[in-house]
């Protein structure tokens, strides 16, 4: 009976702390806006500079096929690359800003109250982690829904129900991955001002790292390997695979089987659907396994980090 009461008390504490962390983040509209700053930049660059360039690039590749491929088909392909970039950056920036709750608790000494309470350190860690995951998934899902509506309005909607479920599943997986990794780095900050400075650097870099501004295939092989080893790149790679493949297949079917193989390979390389690591192309299975390993490693690191910091305070 005592064990059952203990479990119920632990679950109640975990649920209450997680709920509180979510509400604190969602209440601060400025933090939410800052979370989406990178996505606004990606969208702005795309509309002002990138869209026409990539449309022309694909058109020049398909010159010999005349009216077989319409501008709508090409636009669908390029737009799906945009949406994958927006979501790929979103899971990172929203997760980091959501973790400002944890840093604020340090700054306001609320974490001292947690450590004084009869709550195990792993429950505290999991409440911050769960809050960040749910916040990231919520905001990124809203952006994804808007992106899918945008893709539907820009041409024929090419995704099946299975594709849509898989896309939202990748968003959830990306939210988990980004939250657990960034939580480890955020654990070293004691003031929100320093976390904000770190966030500015992350927001500026993540668009290049995952290929939201420029496809990673445009970089040298060494740079490609370096950025593709960042776990966030693996999530973005999975997102591109699901979002862009139907658009590529649509054009491939239009130009006929005789020419489709070369076109498919060229598009997968151009838009970094095939990711290069140490000169080798990696598939979705590798991306998934790599991300799972990163999640497991950083989850353990978070428990160790919080336990060490708790001992220093006591």
C-alpha atoms as a PDB file:
ATOM      1  CA  UNK A   1       0.000   0.000   0.000  1.00  0.00           C
ATOM      2  CA  UNK A   2       2.810   2.389   0.874  1.00  0.00           C
ATOM      3  CA  UNK A   3       4.451   1.632  -2.465  1.00  0.00           C
ATOM      4  CA  UNK A   4       1.221   2.412  -4.334  1.00  0.00           C
ATOM      5  CA  UNK A   5       0.830   5.700  -2.446  1.00  0.00           C
ATOM      6  CA  UNK A   6       4.436   6.559  -3.239  1.00  0.00           C
ATOM      7  CA  UNK A   7       3.930   5.877  -6.940  1.00  0.00           C
ATOM      8  CA  UNK A   8       0.741   7.955  -7.030  1.00  0.00           C
ATOM      9  CA  UNK A   9       2.486  10.811  -5.223  1.00  0.00           C
ATOM     10  CA  UNK A  10       5.401  10.675  -7.663  1.00  0.00           C
ATOM     11  CA  UNK A  11       3.109  10.652 -10.697  1.00  0.00           C
ATOM     12  CA  UNK A  12       1.084  13.525  -9.265  1.00  0.00           C
ATOM     13  CA  UNK A  13       4.253  15.563  -8.689  1.00  0.00           C
ATOM     14  CA  UNK A  14       5.500  14.781 -12.199  1.00  0.00           C
ATOM     15  CA  UNK A  15       2.177  15.712 -13.801  1.00  0.00           C
ATOM     16  CA  UNK A  16       1.855  18.928 -11.810  1.00  0.00           C
ATOM     17  CA  UNK A  17       5.414  20.085 -12.521  1.00  0.00           C
ATOM     18  CA  UNK A  18       5.139  19.259 -16.225  1.00  0.00           C
ATOM     19  CA  UNK A  19       1.831  21.129 -16.498  1.00  0.00           C
ATOM     20  CA  UNK A  20       3.326  24.113 -14.710  1.00  0.00           C
ATOM     21  CA  UNK A  21       6.358  24.180 -17.072  1.00  0.00           C
ATOM     22  CA  UNK A  22       4.077  24.126 -20.131  1.00  0.00           C
ATOM     23  CA  UNK A  23       1.897  26.949 -18.830  1.00  0.00           C
ATOM     24  CA  UNK A  24       4.878  29.140 -17.928  1.00  0.00           C
ATOM     25  CA  UNK A  25       6.230  28.867 -21.490  1.00  0.00           C
ATOM     26  CA  UNK A  26       2.885  29.386 -23.251  1.00  0.00           C
ATOM     27  CA  UNK A  27       2.090  32.404 -21.088  1.00  0.00           C
ATOM     28  CA  UNK A  28       5.113  34.326 -22.379  1.00  0.00           C
ATOM     29  CA  UNK A  29       4.096  35.377 -25.902  1.00  0.00           C
ATOM     30  CA  UNK A  30       7.443  37.085 -26.544  1.00  0.00           C
ATOM     31  CA  UNK A  31       9.340  33.835 -25.948  1.00  0.00           C
ATOM     32  CA  UNK A  32       7.005  32.025 -28.357  1.00  0.00           C
ATOM     33  CA  UNK A  33       7.607  34.723 -30.981  1.00  0.00           C
ATOM     34  CA  UNK A  34      11.375  34.436 -30.524  1.00  0.00           C
ATOM     35  CA  UNK A  35      11.003  30.667 -30.912  1.00  0.00           C
ATOM     36  CA  UNK A  36       9.651  31.231 -34.423  1.00  0.00           C
ATOM     37  CA  UNK A  37      12.102  33.958 -35.478  1.00  0.00           C
ATOM     38  CA  UNK A  38      14.259  31.535 -37.470  1.00  0.00           C
ATOM     39  CA  UNK A  39      11.205  30.196 -39.305  1.00  0.00           C
ATOM     40  CA  UNK A  40      10.194  33.747 -40.245  1.00  0.00           C
ATOM     41  CA  UNK A  41      13.712  34.332 -41.614  1.00  0.00           C
ATOM     42  CA  UNK A  42      13.606  31.055 -43.581  1.00  0.00           C
ATOM     43  CA  UNK A  43      10.243  31.997 -45.092  1.00  0.00           C
ATOM     44  CA  UNK A  44      11.429  35.527 -45.927  1.00  0.00           C
ATOM     45  CA  UNK A  45      14.615  34.337 -47.644  1.00  0.00           C
ATOM     46  CA  UNK A  46      12.673  31.716 -49.540  1.00  0.00           C
ATOM     47  CA  UNK A  47      10.064  34.125 -50.900  1.00  0.00           C
ATOM     48  CA  UNK A  48      12.561  36.900 -51.705  1.00  0.00           C
ATOM     49  CA  UNK A  49      15.526  34.950 -53.083  1.00  0.00           C
ATOM     50  CA  UNK A  50      15.531  31.164 -52.944  1.00  0.00           C
ATOM     51  CA  UNK A  51      12.257  30.087 -54.544  1.00  0.00           C
ATOM     52  CA  UNK A  52      12.907  31.514 -58.015  1.00  0.00           C
ATOM     53  CA  UNK A  53      16.494  30.244 -58.001  1.00  0.00           C
ATOM     54  CA  UNK A  54      15.496  26.658 -57.228  1.00  0.00           C
ATOM     55  CA  UNK A  55      12.489  26.779 -59.541  1.00  0.00           C
ATOM     56  CA  UNK A  56      14.779  27.855 -62.403  1.00  0.00           C
ATOM     57  CA  UNK A  57      17.333  25.207 -61.471  1.00  0.00           C
ATOM     58  CA  UNK A  58      14.782  22.389 -61.632  1.00  0.00           C
ATOM     59  CA  UNK A  59      13.246  23.832 -64.824  1.00  0.00           C
ATOM     60  CA  UNK A  60      16.627  23.897 -66.563  1.00  0.00           C
ATOM     61  CA  UNK A  61      17.120  20.260 -65.618  1.00  0.00           C
ATOM     62  CA  UNK A  62      13.726  19.402 -67.170  1.00  0.00           C
ATOM     63  CA  UNK A  63      14.049  21.517 -70.337  1.00  0.00           C
ATOM     64  CA  UNK A  64      13.872  18.510 -72.658  1.00  0.00           C
ATOM     65  CA  UNK A  65      10.516  17.383 -71.280  1.00  0.00           C
ATOM     66  CA  UNK A  66       8.524  20.435 -72.361  1.00  0.00           C
ATOM     67  CA  UNK A  67       4.925  20.443 -71.174  1.00  0.00           C
ATOM     68  CA  UNK A  68       5.143  17.057 -69.431  1.00  0.00           C
ATOM     69  CA  UNK A  69       6.032  18.842 -66.195  1.00  0.00           C
ATOM     70  CA  UNK A  70       4.087  21.938 -65.151  1.00  0.00           C
ATOM     71  CA  UNK A  71       5.270  24.867 -63.077  1.00  0.00           C
ATOM     72  CA  UNK A  72       2.873  23.681 -60.359  1.00  0.00           C
ATOM     73  CA  UNK A  73       4.696  20.349 -60.180  1.00  0.00           C
ATOM     74  CA  UNK A  74       8.042  22.079 -59.779  1.00  0.00           C
ATOM     75  CA  UNK A  75       6.638  24.564 -57.286  1.00  0.00           C
ATOM     76  CA  UNK A  76       5.286  21.688 -55.206  1.00  0.00           C
ATOM     77  CA  UNK A  77       8.758  20.162 -55.091  1.00  0.00           C
ATOM     78  CA  UNK A  78      10.485  23.381 -54.057  1.00  0.00           C
ATOM     79  CA  UNK A  79       7.758  24.304 -51.560  1.00  0.00           C
ATOM     80  CA  UNK A  80       8.063  20.910 -49.858  1.00  0.00           C
ATOM     81  CA  UNK A  81      11.759  21.680 -49.322  1.00  0.00           C
ATOM     82  CA  UNK A  82      10.748  24.965 -47.668  1.00  0.00           C
ATOM     83  CA  UNK A  83       8.276  23.277 -45.299  1.00  0.00           C
ATOM     84  CA  UNK A  84      10.834  20.647 -44.280  1.00  0.00           C
ATOM     85  CA  UNK A  85      13.310  23.442 -43.481  1.00  0.00           C
ATOM     86  CA  UNK A  86      10.783  25.382 -41.429  1.00  0.00           C
ATOM     87  CA  UNK A  87       9.847  22.331 -39.348  1.00  0.00           C
ATOM     88  CA  UNK A  88      13.462  21.209 -39.029  1.00  0.00           C
ATOM     89  CA  UNK A  89      14.444  24.551 -37.495  1.00  0.00           C
ATOM     90  CA  UNK A  90      11.244  24.788 -35.445  1.00  0.00           C
ATOM     91  CA  UNK A  91      11.847  21.687 -33.321  1.00  0.00           C
ATOM     92  CA  UNK A  92      15.243  23.115 -32.348  1.00  0.00           C
ATOM     93  CA  UNK A  93      14.395  26.748 -31.642  1.00  0.00           C
ATOM     94  CA  UNK A  94      11.114  26.050 -29.842  1.00  0.00           C
ATOM     95  CA  UNK A  95      12.736  23.366 -27.682  1.00  0.00           C
ATOM     96  CA  UNK A  96      15.530  25.716 -26.653  1.00  0.00           C
ATOM     97  CA  UNK A  97      13.207  28.589 -25.802  1.00  0.00           C
ATOM     98  CA  UNK A  98      10.894  26.249 -23.910  1.00  0.00           C
ATOM     99  CA  UNK A  99      13.839  25.251 -21.721  1.00  0.00           C
ATOM    100  CA  UNK A 100      14.111  28.866 -20.551  1.00  0.00           C
ATOM    101  CA  UNK A 101      11.658  27.765 -17.826  1.00  0.00           C
ATOM    102  CA  UNK A 102      14.367  25.557 -16.340  1.00  0.00           C
ATOM    103  CA  UNK A 103      16.927  28.362 -16.408  1.00  0.00           C
ATOM    104  CA  UNK A 104      14.420  30.832 -14.926  1.00  0.00           C
ATOM    105  CA  UNK A 105      13.887  28.418 -12.031  1.00  0.00           C
ATOM    106  CA  UNK A 106      17.617  28.539 -11.343  1.00  0.00           C
ATOM    107  CA  UNK A 107      17.687  32.307 -11.630  1.00  0.00           C
ATOM    108  CA  UNK A 108      14.744  32.696  -9.250  1.00  0.00           C
ATOM    109  CA  UNK A 109      16.067  29.970  -6.916  1.00  0.00           C
ATOM    110  CA  UNK A 110      12.908  27.905  -7.439  1.00  0.00           C
ATOM    111  CA  UNK A 111      15.107  24.868  -7.988  1.00  0.00           C
ATOM    112  CA  UNK A 112      16.211  25.154  -4.348  1.00  0.00           C
ATOM    113  CA  UNK A 113      12.589  24.543  -3.341  1.00  0.00           C
ATOM    114  CA  UNK A 114      12.460  21.495  -5.596  1.00  0.00           C
ATOM    115  CA  UNK A 115      15.629  20.075  -4.069  1.00  0.00           C
ATOM    116  CA  UNK A 116      14.296  20.656  -0.556  1.00  0.00           C
ATOM    117  CA  UNK A 117      11.058  18.844  -1.379  1.00  0.00           C
ATOM    118  CA  UNK A 118      10.807  15.034  -1.228  1.00  0.00           C
ATOM    119  CA  UNK A 119      10.978  14.737  -5.020  1.00  0.00           C
ATOM    120  CA  UNK A 120      13.558  12.592  -6.776  1.00  0.00           C
ATOM    121  CA  UNK A 121      15.919  14.453  -9.095  1.00  0.00           C
ATOM    122  CA  UNK A 122      14.946  12.279 -12.064  1.00  0.00           C
ATOM    123  CA  UNK A 123      11.315  13.401 -11.708  1.00  0.00           C
ATOM    124  CA  UNK A 124      12.392  17.035 -11.834  1.00  0.00           C
ATOM    125  CA  UNK A 125      14.526  16.349 -14.909  1.00  0.00           C
ATOM    126  CA  UNK A 126      11.693  14.471 -16.635  1.00  0.00           C
ATOM    127  CA  UNK A 127       9.186  17.256 -15.896  1.00  0.00           C
ATOM    128  CA  UNK A 128      11.398  19.853 -17.616  1.00  0.00           C
ATOM    129  CA  UNK A 129      12.034  17.446 -20.471  1.00  0.00           C
ATOM    130  CA  UNK A 130       8.360  16.511 -20.912  1.00  0.00           C
ATOM    131  CA  UNK A 131       7.279  20.157 -20.794  1.00  0.00           C
ATOM    132  CA  UNK A 132       9.796  21.085 -23.487  1.00  0.00           C
ATOM    133  CA  UNK A 133       8.761  18.131 -25.678  1.00  0.00           C
ATOM    134  CA  UNK A 134       5.046  18.931 -25.474  1.00  0.00           C
ATOM    135  CA  UNK A 135       5.594  22.652 -26.090  1.00  0.00           C
ATOM    136  CA  UNK A 136       7.836  21.903 -29.067  1.00  0.00           C
ATOM    137  CA  UNK A 137       5.428  19.380 -30.536  1.00  0.00           C
ATOM    138  CA  UNK A 138       2.463  21.734 -30.107  1.00  0.00           C
ATOM    139  CA  UNK A 139       4.073  24.765 -31.769  1.00  0.00           C
ATOM    140  CA  UNK A 140       5.814  22.734 -34.491  1.00  0.00           C
ATOM    141  CA  UNK A 141       2.584  20.843 -35.270  1.00  0.00           C
ATOM    142  CA  UNK A 142       0.760  24.138 -35.756  1.00  0.00           C
ATOM    143  CA  UNK A 143       3.498  25.249 -38.160  1.00  0.00           C
ATOM    144  CA  UNK A 144       3.384  21.878 -39.926  1.00  0.00           C
ATOM    145  CA  UNK A 145      -0.383  22.048 -40.324  1.00  0.00           C
ATOM    146  CA  UNK A 146      -0.024  25.523 -41.847  1.00  0.00           C
ATOM    147  CA  UNK A 147       2.718  24.138 -44.110  1.00  0.00           C
ATOM    148  CA  UNK A 148       0.556  21.257 -45.329  1.00  0.00           C
ATOM    149  CA  UNK A 149      -2.294  23.678 -46.062  1.00  0.00           C
ATOM    150  CA  UNK A 150       0.216  25.836 -47.970  1.00  0.00           C
ATOM    151  CA  UNK A 151       1.369  22.813 -49.984  1.00  0.00           C
ATOM    152  CA  UNK A 152      -2.248  21.877 -50.724  1.00  0.00           C
ATOM    153  CA  UNK A 153      -2.960  25.388 -51.983  1.00  0.00           C
ATOM    154  CA  UNK A 154       0.191  25.518 -54.142  1.00  0.00           C
ATOM    155  CA  UNK A 155      -0.666  22.376 -56.129  1.00  0.00           C
ATOM    156  CA  UNK A 156      -2.118  18.885 -55.953  1.00  0.00           C
ATOM    157  CA  UNK A 157      -1.986  17.429 -52.430  1.00  0.00           C
ATOM    158  CA  UNK A 158       0.254  14.394 -52.857  1.00  0.00           C
ATOM    159  CA  UNK A 159       0.352  12.951 -49.348  1.00  0.00           C
ATOM    160  CA  UNK A 160      -1.492   9.876 -48.153  1.00  0.00           C
ATOM    161  CA  UNK A 161      -2.922   9.456 -44.652  1.00  0.00           C
ATOM    162  CA  UNK A 162       0.095   7.285 -43.827  1.00  0.00           C
ATOM    163  CA  UNK A 163       2.449  10.048 -44.984  1.00  0.00           C
ATOM    164  CA  UNK A 164       0.702  12.617 -42.808  1.00  0.00           C
ATOM    165  CA  UNK A 165       0.818  10.375 -39.729  1.00  0.00           C
ATOM    166  CA  UNK A 166       4.505   9.723 -40.398  1.00  0.00           C
ATOM    167  CA  UNK A 167       5.236  13.443 -40.794  1.00  0.00           C
ATOM    168  CA  UNK A 168       3.639  14.308 -37.450  1.00  0.00           C
ATOM    169  CA  UNK A 169       5.455  11.328 -35.945  1.00  0.00           C
ATOM    170  CA  UNK A 170       8.775  12.774 -37.115  1.00  0.00           C
ATOM    171  CA  UNK A 171       7.828  16.107 -35.536  1.00  0.00           C
ATOM    172  CA  UNK A 172       7.222  14.333 -32.218  1.00  0.00           C
ATOM    173  CA  UNK A 173      10.466  12.391 -32.567  1.00  0.00           C
ATOM    174  CA  UNK A 174      12.326  15.592 -33.440  1.00  0.00           C
ATOM    175  CA  UNK A 175      10.778  17.343 -30.432  1.00  0.00           C
ATOM    176  CA  UNK A 176      12.068  14.581 -28.155  1.00  0.00           C
ATOM    177  CA  UNK A 177      15.529  14.622 -29.732  1.00  0.00           C
ATOM    178  CA  UNK A 178      15.964  18.410 -29.676  1.00  0.00           C
ATOM    179  CA  UNK A 179      14.602  18.778 -26.134  1.00  0.00           C
ATOM    180  CA  UNK A 180      16.812  16.145 -24.535  1.00  0.00           C
ATOM    181  CA  UNK A 181      19.974  17.350 -26.299  1.00  0.00           C
ATOM    182  CA  UNK A 182      19.446  21.074 -25.756  1.00  0.00           C
ATOM    183  CA  UNK A 183      18.382  20.466 -22.148  1.00  0.00           C
ATOM    184  CA  UNK A 184      21.886  19.212 -21.397  1.00  0.00           C
ATOM    185  CA  UNK A 185      23.448  22.419 -22.731  1.00  0.00           C
ATOM    186  CA  UNK A 186      20.802  24.603 -21.066  1.00  0.00           C
ATOM    187  CA  UNK A 187      21.598  22.959 -17.713  1.00  0.00           C
ATOM    188  CA  UNK A 188      24.905  24.875 -17.630  1.00  0.00           C
ATOM    189  CA  UNK A 189      23.190  28.277 -17.773  1.00  0.00           C
ATOM    190  CA  UNK A 190      22.060  30.062 -14.628  1.00  0.00           C
ATOM    191  CA  UNK A 191      20.561  33.191 -16.189  1.00  0.00           C
ATOM    192  CA  UNK A 192      18.085  33.627 -19.016  1.00  0.00           C
ATOM    193  CA  UNK A 193      20.210  36.403 -20.490  1.00  0.00           C
ATOM    194  CA  UNK A 194      23.055  33.959 -21.184  1.00  0.00           C
ATOM    195  CA  UNK A 195      20.625  31.350 -22.496  1.00  0.00           C
ATOM    196  CA  UNK A 196      19.197  33.993 -24.840  1.00  0.00           C
ATOM    197  CA  UNK A 197      22.686  34.742 -26.171  1.00  0.00           C
ATOM    198  CA  UNK A 198      23.231  31.032 -26.737  1.00  0.00           C
ATOM    199  CA  UNK A 199      19.821  30.870 -28.407  1.00  0.00           C
ATOM    200  CA  UNK A 200      20.761  33.630 -30.864  1.00  0.00           C
ATOM    201  CA  UNK A 201      23.813  31.617 -31.950  1.00  0.00           C
ATOM    202  CA  UNK A 202      21.808  28.415 -32.283  1.00  0.00           C
ATOM    203  CA  UNK A 203      19.043  30.161 -34.246  1.00  0.00           C
ATOM    204  CA  UNK A 204      21.582  31.708 -36.617  1.00  0.00           C
ATOM    205  CA  UNK A 205      23.430  28.445 -37.179  1.00  0.00           C
ATOM    206  CA  UNK A 206      20.634  25.874 -37.312  1.00  0.00           C
ATOM    207  CA  UNK A 207      19.270  27.051 -40.667  1.00  0.00           C
ATOM    208  CA  UNK A 208      22.655  26.366 -42.292  1.00  0.00           C
ATOM    209  CA  UNK A 209      23.295  23.150 -40.354  1.00  0.00           C
ATOM    210  CA  UNK A 210      20.084  21.411 -41.421  1.00  0.00           C
ATOM    211  CA  UNK A 211      20.038  22.932 -44.914  1.00  0.00           C
ATOM    212  CA  UNK A 212      17.029  25.225 -44.501  1.00  0.00           C
ATOM    213  CA  UNK A 213      18.721  28.185 -46.205  1.00  0.00           C
ATOM    214  CA  UNK A 214      20.930  26.326 -48.657  1.00  0.00           C
ATOM    215  CA  UNK A 215      20.887  22.548 -49.257  1.00  0.00           C
ATOM    216  CA  UNK A 216      23.815  20.941 -47.460  1.00  0.00           C
ATOM    217  CA  UNK A 217      24.833  19.342 -50.772  1.00  0.00           C
ATOM    218  CA  UNK A 218      26.209  22.749 -51.789  1.00  0.00           C
ATOM    219  CA  UNK A 219      28.916  22.499 -49.104  1.00  0.00           C
ATOM    220  CA  UNK A 220      32.241  20.665 -49.338  1.00  0.00           C
ATOM    221  CA  UNK A 221      32.308  16.992 -48.383  1.00  0.00           C
ATOM    222  CA  UNK A 222      34.039  17.731 -45.078  1.00  0.00           C
ATOM    223  CA  UNK A 223      31.479  20.375 -44.099  1.00  0.00           C
ATOM    224  CA  UNK A 224      28.645  18.058 -45.117  1.00  0.00           C
ATOM    225  CA  UNK A 225      29.979  15.362 -42.799  1.00  0.00           C
ATOM    226  CA  UNK A 226      30.349  17.824 -39.915  1.00  0.00           C
ATOM    227  CA  UNK A 227      26.831  19.268 -40.142  1.00  0.00           C
ATOM    228  CA  UNK A 228      25.190  15.920 -40.918  1.00  0.00           C
ATOM    229  CA  UNK A 229      26.571  14.480 -37.683  1.00  0.00           C
ATOM    230  CA  UNK A 230      24.512  17.034 -35.743  1.00  0.00           C
ATOM    231  CA  UNK A 231      21.422  15.108 -34.540  1.00  0.00           C
ATOM    232  CA  UNK A 232      19.076  17.864 -35.738  1.00  0.00           C
ATOM    233  CA  UNK A 233      20.260  17.249 -39.294  1.00  0.00           C
ATOM    234  CA  UNK A 234      19.115  13.648 -39.060  1.00  0.00           C
ATOM    235  CA  UNK A 235      15.603  14.784 -38.089  1.00  0.00           C
ATOM    236  CA  UNK A 236      15.538  17.287 -40.952  1.00  0.00           C
ATOM    237  CA  UNK A 237      16.758  14.548 -43.308  1.00  0.00           C
ATOM    238  CA  UNK A 238      13.888  12.271 -42.308  1.00  0.00           C
ATOM    239  CA  UNK A 239      11.464  15.158 -42.770  1.00  0.00           C
ATOM    240  CA  UNK A 240      12.781  15.880 -46.268  1.00  0.00           C
ATOM    241  CA  UNK A 241      12.489  12.211 -47.198  1.00  0.00           C
ATOM    242  CA  UNK A 242       8.794  12.098 -46.350  1.00  0.00           C
ATOM    243  CA  UNK A 243       7.804  15.583 -47.526  1.00  0.00           C
ATOM    244  CA  UNK A 244       9.772  15.743 -50.789  1.00  0.00           C
ATOM    245  CA  UNK A 245       9.596  12.177 -52.093  1.00  0.00           C
ATOM    246  CA  UNK A 246       5.929  12.392 -53.255  1.00  0.00           C
ATOM    247  CA  UNK A 247       6.707  15.599 -55.186  1.00  0.00           C
ATOM    248  CA  UNK A 248       9.777  14.015 -56.774  1.00  0.00           C
ATOM    249  CA  UNK A 249       7.816  10.863 -57.652  1.00  0.00           C
ATOM    250  CA  UNK A 250       5.056  13.000 -59.184  1.00  0.00           C
ATOM    251  CA  UNK A 251       7.510  14.622 -61.608  1.00  0.00           C
ATOM    252  CA  UNK A 252       9.262  11.284 -62.153  1.00  0.00           C
ATOM    253  CA  UNK A 253       5.982   9.695 -63.285  1.00  0.00           C
ATOM    254  CA  UNK A 254       5.305  12.622 -65.614  1.00  0.00           C
ATOM    255  CA  UNK A 255       8.618  12.348 -67.488  1.00  0.00           C
ATOM    256  CA  UNK A 256       8.434   8.552 -67.836  1.00  0.00           C
ATOM    257  CA  UNK A 257      10.370   5.638 -66.422  1.00  0.00           C
ATOM    258  CA  UNK A 258      13.173   5.876 -68.970  1.00  0.00           C
ATOM    259  CA  UNK A 259      14.301   9.235 -67.614  1.00  0.00           C
ATOM    260  CA  UNK A 260      13.010   9.132 -64.056  1.00  0.00           C
ATOM    261  CA  UNK A 261      15.887   7.276 -62.405  1.00  0.00           C
ATOM    262  CA  UNK A 262      18.486   9.940 -63.164  1.00  0.00           C
ATOM    263  CA  UNK A 263      16.070  12.731 -62.222  1.00  0.00           C
ATOM    264  CA  UNK A 264      15.217  11.136 -58.863  1.00  0.00           C
ATOM    265  CA  UNK A 265      18.885  10.627 -57.965  1.00  0.00           C
ATOM    266  CA  UNK A 266      19.757  14.172 -59.004  1.00  0.00           C
ATOM    267  CA  UNK A 267      16.969  15.729 -56.925  1.00  0.00           C
ATOM    268  CA  UNK A 268      17.805  13.610 -53.881  1.00  0.00           C
ATOM    269  CA  UNK A 269      21.400  14.766 -54.098  1.00  0.00           C
ATOM    270  CA  UNK A 270      20.598  18.411 -54.861  1.00  0.00           C
ATOM    271  CA  UNK A 271      18.150  18.838 -51.982  1.00  0.00           C
ATOM    272  CA  UNK A 272      20.200  16.667 -49.588  1.00  0.00           C
ATOM    273  CA  UNK A 273      17.541  14.001 -49.231  1.00  0.00           C
ATOM    274  CA  UNK A 274      20.510  11.659 -49.474  1.00  0.00           C
ATOM    275  CA  UNK A 275      22.837  12.814 -46.707  1.00  0.00           C
ATOM    276  CA  UNK A 276      26.592  12.475 -47.007  1.00  0.00           C
ATOM    277  CA  UNK A 277      28.685  11.323 -44.019  1.00  0.00           C
ATOM    278  CA  UNK A 278      32.392  10.591 -44.588  1.00  0.00           C
ATOM    279  CA  UNK A 279      31.752  10.250 -48.312  1.00  0.00           C
ATOM    280  CA  UNK A 280      28.926   7.737 -47.901  1.00  0.00           C
ATOM    281  CA  UNK A 281      25.208   8.239 -48.478  1.00  0.00           C
ATOM    282  CA  UNK A 282      23.105   7.394 -45.429  1.00  0.00           C
ATOM    283  CA  UNK A 283      19.506   6.201 -45.480  1.00  0.00           C
ATOM    284  CA  UNK A 284      16.517   6.833 -43.225  1.00  0.00           C
ATOM    285  CA  UNK A 285      17.305   3.768 -41.093  1.00  0.00           C
ATOM    286  CA  UNK A 286      20.719   5.200 -40.211  1.00  0.00           C
ATOM    287  CA  UNK A 287      19.133   8.587 -39.417  1.00  0.00           C
ATOM    288  CA  UNK A 288      16.641   6.906 -37.082  1.00  0.00           C
ATOM    289  CA  UNK A 289      19.208   4.762 -35.263  1.00  0.00           C
ATOM    290  CA  UNK A 290      21.649   7.659 -34.941  1.00  0.00           C
ATOM    291  CA  UNK A 291      18.919   9.863 -33.453  1.00  0.00           C
ATOM    292  CA  UNK A 292      17.834   7.146 -30.992  1.00  0.00           C
ATOM    293  CA  UNK A 293      21.410   6.724 -29.775  1.00  0.00           C
ATOM    294  CA  UNK A 294      21.766  10.504 -29.346  1.00  0.00           C
ATOM    295  CA  UNK A 295      18.528  10.639 -27.325  1.00  0.00           C
ATOM    296  CA  UNK A 296      19.666   7.812 -25.025  1.00  0.00           C
ATOM    297  CA  UNK A 297      23.123   9.322 -24.470  1.00  0.00           C
ATOM    298  CA  UNK A 298      21.880  12.830 -23.698  1.00  0.00           C
ATOM    299  CA  UNK A 299      19.087  11.557 -21.442  1.00  0.00           C
ATOM    300  CA  UNK A 300      21.708   9.864 -19.261  1.00  0.00           C
ATOM    301  CA  UNK A 301      23.885  13.001 -19.371  1.00  0.00           C
ATOM    302  CA  UNK A 302      20.936  15.095 -18.177  1.00  0.00           C
ATOM    303  CA  UNK A 303      20.359  12.871 -15.151  1.00  0.00           C
ATOM    304  CA  UNK A 304      24.056  12.987 -14.275  1.00  0.00           C
ATOM    305  CA  UNK A 305      24.238  16.759 -14.747  1.00  0.00           C
ATOM    306  CA  UNK A 306      21.206  17.462 -12.551  1.00  0.00           C
ATOM    307  CA  UNK A 307      22.386  15.076  -9.847  1.00  0.00           C
ATOM    308  CA  UNK A 308      25.808  16.761  -9.681  1.00  0.00           C
ATOM    309  CA  UNK A 309      24.307  20.278  -9.586  1.00  0.00           C
ATOM    310  CA  UNK A 310      21.853  19.209  -6.860  1.00  0.00           C
ATOM    311  CA  UNK A 311      24.673  17.932  -4.660  1.00  0.00           C
ATOM    312  CA  UNK A 312      26.536  21.216  -5.009  1.00  0.00           C
ATOM    313  CA  UNK A 313      23.521  23.131  -3.712  1.00  0.00           C
ATOM    314  CA  UNK A 314      22.856  20.885  -0.721  1.00  0.00           C
END
